[in-house]
Amino acid sequence: MFELLKNNWFELPILIFIYPGYKGIKKAIENGLSELPQRLHEKN
């Protein structure tokens, strides 16, 4: 039980820091992919 709690206390701050960054990166990738066809169309 204590071992599980110790692992969670170690992982929790990592998740708190990484999760918003992951969501931001995912949103940036989705925006980039949605803009890509427009950029290709403008070049032609």
C-alpha atoms as a PDB file:
ATOM      1  CA  MET A   1       0.000   0.000   0.000  1.00  0.00           C
ATOM      2  CA  PHE A   2       2.750   2.441   0.966  1.00  0.00           C
ATOM      3  CA  GLU A   3       4.727   1.532  -2.152  1.00  0.00           C
ATOM      4  CA  LEU A   4       1.719   2.328  -4.363  1.00  0.00           C
ATOM      5  CA  LEU A   5       1.156   5.647  -2.574  1.00  0.00           C
ATOM      6  CA  LYS A   6       4.838   6.545  -2.929  1.00  0.00           C
ATOM      7  CA  ASN A   7       4.732   5.858  -6.672  1.00  0.00           C
ATOM      8  CA  ASN A   8       1.558   7.937  -7.072  1.00  0.00           C
ATOM      9  CA  TRP A   9       3.094  10.880  -5.198  1.00  0.00           C
ATOM     10  CA  PHE A  10       6.011  10.703  -7.609  1.00  0.00           C
ATOM     11  CA  GLU A  11       3.833  10.427 -10.725  1.00  0.00           C
ATOM     12  CA  LEU A  12       1.165  12.974  -9.754  1.00  0.00           C
ATOM     13  CA  PRO A  13       3.318  16.136 -10.153  1.00  0.00           C
ATOM     14  CA  ILE A  14       4.681  14.770 -13.438  1.00  0.00           C
ATOM     15  CA  LEU A  15       1.132  14.246 -14.742  1.00  0.00           C
ATOM     16  CA  ILE A  16       0.103  17.718 -13.546  1.00  0.00           C
ATOM     17  CA  PHE A  17       3.022  19.281 -15.448  1.00  0.00           C
ATOM     18  CA  ILE A  18       2.889  17.096 -18.563  1.00  0.00           C
ATOM     19  CA  TYR A  19      -0.882  16.895 -19.132  1.00  0.00           C
ATOM     20  CA  PRO A  20      -1.498  20.620 -19.925  1.00  0.00           C
ATOM     21  CA  GLY A  21       1.616  20.623 -22.120  1.00  0.00           C
ATOM     22  CA  TYR A  22       0.387  17.499 -23.896  1.00  0.00           C
ATOM     23  CA  LYS A  23      -3.004  19.128 -24.515  1.00  0.00           C
ATOM     24  CA  GLY A  24      -1.289  22.265 -25.843  1.00  0.00           C
ATOM     25  CA  ILE A  25       0.965  20.252 -28.166  1.00  0.00           C
ATOM     26  CA  LYS A  26      -1.995  18.192 -29.396  1.00  0.00           C
ATOM     27  CA  LYS A  27      -3.973  21.354 -30.117  1.00  0.00           C
ATOM     28  CA  ALA A  28      -0.999  22.911 -31.934  1.00  0.00           C
ATOM     29  CA  ILE A  29      -0.603  19.777 -34.080  1.00  0.00           C
ATOM     30  CA  GLU A  30      -4.327  19.738 -34.894  1.00  0.00           C
ATOM     31  CA  ASN A  31      -4.219  23.440 -35.837  1.00  0.00           C
ATOM     32  CA  GLY A  32      -1.140  22.831 -38.001  1.00  0.00           C
ATOM     33  CA  LEU A  33      -2.820  19.922 -39.785  1.00  0.00           C
ATOM     34  CA  SER A  34      -6.008  21.897 -40.374  1.00  0.00           C
ATOM     35  CA  GLU A  35      -4.003  24.816 -41.838  1.00  0.00           C
ATOM     36  CA  LEU A  36      -1.832  22.585 -44.027  1.00  0.00           C
ATOM     37  CA  PRO A  37      -4.346  22.129 -46.908  1.00  0.00           C
ATOM     38  CA  GLN A  38      -4.893  25.909 -47.030  1.00  0.00           C
ATOM     39  CA  ARG A  39      -1.135  26.514 -47.243  1.00  0.00           C
ATOM     40  CA  LEU A  40      -0.746  23.945 -50.011  1.00  0.00           C
ATOM     41  CA  HIS A  41      -3.669  25.493 -51.866  1.00  0.00           C
ATOM     42  CA  GLU A  42      -2.178  28.999 -51.596  1.00  0.00           C
ATOM     43  CA  LYS A  43       1.154  27.838 -53.068  1.00  0.00           C
ATOM     44  CA  ASN A  44      -0.491  26.495 -56.246  1.00  0.00           C
END
